[in-house]
Amino acid sequence: MRHNHRDGAATVTTGTVGGLAFIEVGNTGPVLDPDELPALFEPFQRGREHRSDGSGLGLAVVRAITLTHHGELTATPRPGGGLTVRVELPTAPGTGPPGLGT
């Protein structure tokens, strides 16, 4: 919620599809340039319009947990502003993306 606009919206969706469990979180925060996204997943990095006192670790931790559990992480800027982040994790050993082991 800290990266959302005042009176903005946030969504959380969960489910399973094709042997993967997923959680998808979206908000209506500031407009993000797709070129900015990779940096947001690096430790201590925050977006251009950082309005909070956070340390810039949140998405880096999400990435580390996702990779540790052989999952996939995607982030997509929303057209009117904000971000949708999706984490997909295998529901059973050996069902993650190819080449990531069990």
N, C-alpha and C. Protein backbone atom coordinates (compact mmCIF):
# COMPACT_ATOMS: atom_id res chain seq x y z
N MET A 1 0.81 -1.19 0.00
CA MET A 1 0.00 0.00 0.00
C MET A 1 0.86 1.26 0.00
N ARG A 2 2.07 1.16 0.49
CA ARG A 2 2.89 2.36 0.60
C ARG A 2 3.26 2.94 -0.76
N HIS A 3 3.23 2.15 -1.82
CA HIS A 3 3.62 2.65 -3.14
C HIS A 3 2.41 2.99 -3.99
N ASN A 4 1.25 3.04 -3.41
CA ASN A 4 0.02 3.34 -4.11
C ASN A 4 -0.27 4.83 -4.03
N HIS A 5 -1.18 5.30 -4.91
CA HIS A 5 -1.67 6.67 -4.83
C HIS A 5 -2.72 6.76 -3.73
N ARG A 6 -2.89 7.94 -3.19
CA ARG A 6 -3.97 8.18 -2.22
C ARG A 6 -5.29 7.82 -2.92
N ASP A 7 -6.14 7.08 -2.24
CA ASP A 7 -7.42 6.60 -2.77
C ASP A 7 -7.22 5.64 -3.94
N GLY A 8 -6.04 5.06 -4.08
CA GLY A 8 -5.77 4.10 -5.13
C GLY A 8 -6.33 2.73 -4.77
N ALA A 9 -6.07 1.78 -5.62
CA ALA A 9 -6.56 0.42 -5.41
C ALA A 9 -5.39 -0.56 -5.41
N ALA A 10 -5.60 -1.65 -4.72
CA ALA A 10 -4.63 -2.75 -4.73
C ALA A 10 -5.41 -4.03 -4.92
N THR A 11 -4.84 -4.96 -5.65
CA THR A 11 -5.48 -6.25 -5.88
C THR A 11 -4.51 -7.37 -5.52
N VAL A 12 -5.06 -8.45 -5.01
CA VAL A 12 -4.29 -9.65 -4.74
C VAL A 12 -5.09 -10.82 -5.29
N THR A 13 -4.47 -11.60 -6.15
CA THR A 13 -5.11 -12.76 -6.75
C THR A 13 -4.21 -13.97 -6.50
N THR A 14 -4.81 -15.08 -6.12
CA THR A 14 -4.06 -16.32 -5.93
C THR A 14 -4.75 -17.44 -6.68
N GLY A 15 -4.00 -18.50 -6.94
CA GLY A 15 -4.60 -19.66 -7.59
C GLY A 15 -3.55 -20.66 -8.01
N THR A 16 -3.97 -21.62 -8.78
CA THR A 16 -3.06 -22.62 -9.34
C THR A 16 -3.38 -22.77 -10.82
N VAL A 17 -2.34 -23.06 -11.59
CA VAL A 17 -2.50 -23.31 -13.01
C VAL A 17 -1.31 -24.14 -13.48
N GLY A 18 -1.59 -25.24 -14.13
CA GLY A 18 -0.54 -26.07 -14.73
C GLY A 18 0.58 -26.48 -13.79
N GLY A 19 0.28 -26.92 -12.59
CA GLY A 19 1.29 -27.36 -11.65
C GLY A 19 2.01 -26.23 -10.93
N LEU A 20 1.51 -25.02 -11.07
CA LEU A 20 2.11 -23.87 -10.40
C LEU A 20 1.09 -23.18 -9.51
N ALA A 21 1.52 -22.75 -8.36
CA ALA A 21 0.71 -21.88 -7.51
C ALA A 21 1.17 -20.46 -7.79
N PHE A 22 0.25 -19.51 -7.80
CA PHE A 22 0.66 -18.14 -8.06
C PHE A 22 0.00 -17.17 -7.11
N ILE A 23 0.67 -16.05 -6.93
CA ILE A 23 0.11 -14.88 -6.27
C ILE A 23 0.46 -13.70 -7.15
N GLU A 24 -0.53 -12.86 -7.37
CA GLU A 24 -0.35 -11.69 -8.21
C GLU A 24 -0.84 -10.48 -7.42
N VAL A 25 0.01 -9.48 -7.31
CA VAL A 25 -0.31 -8.28 -6.56
C VAL A 25 -0.18 -7.09 -7.50
N GLY A 26 -1.20 -6.24 -7.50
CA GLY A 26 -1.16 -5.05 -8.35
C GLY A 26 -1.55 -3.82 -7.55
N ASN A 27 -1.08 -2.66 -8.02
CA ASN A 27 -1.48 -1.41 -7.40
C ASN A 27 -1.65 -0.33 -8.45
N THR A 28 -2.11 0.84 -8.02
CA THR A 28 -2.33 1.97 -8.91
C THR A 28 -1.35 3.09 -8.58
N GLY A 29 -0.10 2.76 -8.40
CA GLY A 29 0.93 3.72 -8.04
C GLY A 29 1.36 4.57 -9.22
N PRO A 30 2.55 5.16 -9.13
CA PRO A 30 3.04 6.03 -10.18
C PRO A 30 3.31 5.26 -11.47
N VAL A 31 3.31 5.99 -12.58
CA VAL A 31 3.62 5.39 -13.88
C VAL A 31 5.09 4.97 -13.87
N LEU A 32 5.35 3.75 -14.31
CA LEU A 32 6.71 3.22 -14.35
C LEU A 32 7.13 2.95 -15.79
N ASP A 33 8.34 3.32 -16.09
CA ASP A 33 8.94 3.01 -17.38
C ASP A 33 9.40 1.55 -17.32
N PRO A 34 9.08 0.72 -18.31
CA PRO A 34 9.51 -0.68 -18.28
C PRO A 34 11.02 -0.84 -18.10
N ASP A 35 11.79 0.13 -18.55
CA ASP A 35 13.25 0.06 -18.39
C ASP A 35 13.68 0.18 -16.93
N GLU A 36 12.81 0.72 -16.07
CA GLU A 36 13.12 0.87 -14.64
C GLU A 36 12.96 -0.43 -13.87
N LEU A 37 12.17 -1.36 -14.39
CA LEU A 37 11.78 -2.54 -13.62
C LEU A 37 12.95 -3.38 -13.11
N PRO A 38 13.95 -3.72 -13.92
CA PRO A 38 15.02 -4.57 -13.38
C PRO A 38 15.69 -3.99 -12.13
N ALA A 39 15.87 -2.69 -12.10
CA ALA A 39 16.53 -2.07 -10.95
C ALA A 39 15.69 -2.19 -9.68
N LEU A 40 14.37 -2.23 -9.80
CA LEU A 40 13.51 -2.33 -8.62
C LEU A 40 13.70 -3.63 -7.87
N PHE A 41 14.27 -4.64 -8.52
CA PHE A 41 14.48 -5.94 -7.89
C PHE A 41 15.89 -6.09 -7.33
N GLU A 42 16.68 -5.03 -7.42
CA GLU A 42 18.02 -5.02 -6.84
C GLU A 42 17.93 -4.45 -5.42
N PRO A 43 18.73 -4.99 -4.50
CA PRO A 43 18.70 -4.49 -3.12
C PRO A 43 18.98 -2.98 -3.05
N PHE A 44 18.23 -2.31 -2.19
CA PHE A 44 18.38 -0.89 -1.88
C PHE A 44 18.03 0.04 -3.03
N GLN A 45 17.26 -0.45 -4.00
CA GLN A 45 16.82 0.39 -5.11
C GLN A 45 15.34 0.72 -4.93
N ARG A 46 14.99 1.95 -5.24
CA ARG A 46 13.60 2.38 -5.17
C ARG A 46 13.28 3.14 -6.44
N GLY A 47 12.01 3.23 -6.77
CA GLY A 47 11.59 3.95 -7.97
C GLY A 47 11.86 5.44 -7.88
N ARG A 48 11.72 6.12 -9.00
CA ARG A 48 11.96 7.56 -9.07
C ARG A 48 11.11 8.34 -8.08
N GLU A 49 9.87 7.90 -7.90
CA GLU A 49 8.94 8.63 -7.04
C GLU A 49 8.82 8.00 -5.66
N HIS A 50 9.93 7.57 -5.08
CA HIS A 50 9.84 6.94 -3.76
C HIS A 50 9.38 7.98 -2.73
N ARG A 51 8.24 7.66 -2.11
CA ARG A 51 7.63 8.57 -1.15
C ARG A 51 7.65 7.97 0.24
N SER A 52 8.31 6.89 0.41
CA SER A 52 8.27 6.21 1.70
C SER A 52 9.65 6.19 2.32
N ASP A 53 9.68 5.72 3.53
CA ASP A 53 10.96 5.62 4.21
C ASP A 53 11.52 4.20 4.12
N GLY A 54 11.04 3.42 3.15
CA GLY A 54 11.52 2.05 2.99
C GLY A 54 12.97 2.01 2.56
N SER A 55 13.56 0.83 2.67
CA SER A 55 14.98 0.68 2.34
C SER A 55 15.22 0.14 0.94
N GLY A 56 14.16 -0.20 0.22
CA GLY A 56 14.36 -0.73 -1.13
C GLY A 56 14.72 -2.20 -1.15
N LEU A 57 14.26 -2.94 -0.15
CA LEU A 57 14.56 -4.37 -0.09
C LEU A 57 13.38 -5.26 -0.46
N GLY A 58 12.17 -4.75 -0.45
CA GLY A 58 10.99 -5.59 -0.61
C GLY A 58 10.99 -6.47 -1.85
N LEU A 59 11.15 -5.88 -3.02
CA LEU A 59 11.11 -6.68 -4.24
C LEU A 59 12.35 -7.54 -4.40
N ALA A 60 13.48 -7.11 -3.85
CA ALA A 60 14.69 -7.95 -3.87
C ALA A 60 14.47 -9.22 -3.05
N VAL A 61 13.78 -9.09 -1.92
CA VAL A 61 13.48 -10.26 -1.09
C VAL A 61 12.49 -11.17 -1.82
N VAL A 62 11.48 -10.59 -2.46
CA VAL A 62 10.52 -11.40 -3.24
C VAL A 62 11.26 -12.18 -4.31
N ARG A 63 12.18 -11.53 -5.01
CA ARG A 63 12.95 -12.22 -6.06
C ARG A 63 13.78 -13.36 -5.47
N ALA A 64 14.46 -13.11 -4.35
CA ALA A 64 15.31 -14.14 -3.75
C ALA A 64 14.49 -15.35 -3.31
N ILE A 65 13.35 -15.12 -2.69
CA ILE A 65 12.49 -16.23 -2.26
C ILE A 65 11.97 -17.00 -3.46
N THR A 66 11.55 -16.29 -4.48
CA THR A 66 11.03 -16.94 -5.68
C THR A 66 12.08 -17.82 -6.32
N LEU A 67 13.28 -17.32 -6.49
CA LEU A 67 14.34 -18.10 -7.12
C LEU A 67 14.76 -19.28 -6.24
N THR A 68 14.79 -19.08 -4.94
CA THR A 68 15.15 -20.17 -4.02
C THR A 68 14.19 -21.35 -4.15
N HIS A 69 12.93 -21.04 -4.43
CA HIS A 69 11.91 -22.08 -4.55
C HIS A 69 11.63 -22.45 -6.00
N HIS A 70 12.57 -22.12 -6.89
CA HIS A 70 12.51 -22.51 -8.30
C HIS A 70 11.27 -21.97 -9.00
N GLY A 71 10.91 -20.77 -8.65
CA GLY A 71 9.74 -20.14 -9.25
C GLY A 71 10.11 -19.12 -10.30
N GLU A 72 9.08 -18.46 -10.79
CA GLU A 72 9.26 -17.40 -11.78
C GLU A 72 8.60 -16.14 -11.26
N LEU A 73 9.23 -15.02 -11.55
CA LEU A 73 8.75 -13.71 -11.11
C LEU A 73 8.60 -12.82 -12.33
N THR A 74 7.45 -12.19 -12.46
CA THR A 74 7.25 -11.22 -13.54
C THR A 74 6.69 -9.94 -12.95
N ALA A 75 7.05 -8.84 -13.55
CA ALA A 75 6.53 -7.54 -13.16
C ALA A 75 6.13 -6.79 -14.42
N THR A 76 4.94 -6.23 -14.40
CA THR A 76 4.40 -5.54 -15.56
C THR A 76 3.86 -4.18 -15.14
N PRO A 77 4.36 -3.09 -15.76
CA PRO A 77 3.77 -1.79 -15.44
C PRO A 77 2.32 -1.74 -15.90
N ARG A 78 1.47 -1.12 -15.11
CA ARG A 78 0.06 -0.96 -15.49
C ARG A 78 -0.06 0.30 -16.33
N PRO A 79 -0.93 0.29 -17.35
CA PRO A 79 -1.03 1.44 -18.27
C PRO A 79 -1.29 2.79 -17.59
N GLY A 80 -2.15 2.83 -16.58
CA GLY A 80 -2.46 4.10 -15.92
C GLY A 80 -1.56 4.40 -14.74
N GLY A 81 -0.59 3.56 -14.49
CA GLY A 81 0.31 3.72 -13.35
C GLY A 81 0.20 2.54 -12.42
N GLY A 82 1.27 2.27 -11.75
CA GLY A 82 1.32 1.14 -10.84
C GLY A 82 2.01 -0.05 -11.47
N LEU A 83 1.96 -1.15 -10.76
CA LEU A 83 2.72 -2.33 -11.13
C LEU A 83 1.92 -3.57 -10.77
N THR A 84 2.04 -4.58 -11.60
CA THR A 84 1.51 -5.90 -11.27
C THR A 84 2.71 -6.85 -11.17
N VAL A 85 2.84 -7.50 -10.02
CA VAL A 85 3.92 -8.45 -9.78
C VAL A 85 3.30 -9.82 -9.59
N ARG A 86 3.81 -10.81 -10.30
CA ARG A 86 3.29 -12.18 -10.23
C ARG A 86 4.43 -13.13 -9.87
N VAL A 87 4.18 -13.95 -8.86
CA VAL A 87 5.11 -15.00 -8.45
C VAL A 87 4.44 -16.33 -8.72
N GLU A 88 5.13 -17.20 -9.44
CA GLU A 88 4.64 -18.56 -9.70
C GLU A 88 5.64 -19.53 -9.09
N LEU A 89 5.10 -20.46 -8.30
CA LEU A 89 5.94 -21.46 -7.63
C LEU A 89 5.43 -22.85 -7.95
N PRO A 90 6.34 -23.81 -8.14
CA PRO A 90 5.90 -25.19 -8.41
C PRO A 90 5.14 -25.74 -7.20
N THR A 91 4.09 -26.50 -7.48
CA THR A 91 3.31 -27.11 -6.40
C THR A 91 3.87 -28.45 -5.98
N ALA A 92 4.77 -29.00 -6.78
CA ALA A 92 5.40 -30.29 -6.45
C ALA A 92 6.84 -30.26 -6.93
N PRO A 93 7.72 -31.01 -6.26
CA PRO A 93 9.13 -31.03 -6.69
C PRO A 93 9.27 -31.44 -8.16
N GLY A 94 10.17 -30.74 -8.86
CA GLY A 94 10.44 -31.09 -10.24
C GLY A 94 9.44 -30.53 -11.24
N THR A 95 8.49 -29.68 -10.78
CA THR A 95 7.49 -29.15 -11.71
C THR A 95 7.72 -27.68 -12.03
N GLY A 96 8.87 -27.13 -11.61
CA GLY A 96 9.17 -25.74 -11.91
C GLY A 96 9.64 -25.57 -13.33
N PRO A 97 10.05 -24.35 -13.68
CA PRO A 97 10.53 -24.09 -15.02
C PRO A 97 11.72 -24.98 -15.37
N PRO A 98 11.89 -25.34 -16.63
CA PRO A 98 12.98 -26.23 -17.04
C PRO A 98 14.34 -25.67 -16.65
N GLY A 99 15.24 -26.55 -16.25
CA GLY A 99 16.60 -26.16 -15.94
C GLY A 99 16.84 -25.65 -14.53
N LEU A 100 15.80 -25.60 -13.70
CA LEU A 100 15.98 -25.07 -12.37
C LEU A 100 16.07 -26.15 -11.31
N GLY A 101 16.01 -27.39 -11.68
CA GLY A 101 16.14 -28.48 -10.70
C GLY A 101 14.86 -28.73 -9.92
N THR A 102 15.03 -29.42 -8.80
CA THR A 102 13.87 -29.76 -7.97
C THR A 102 13.95 -29.12 -6.62
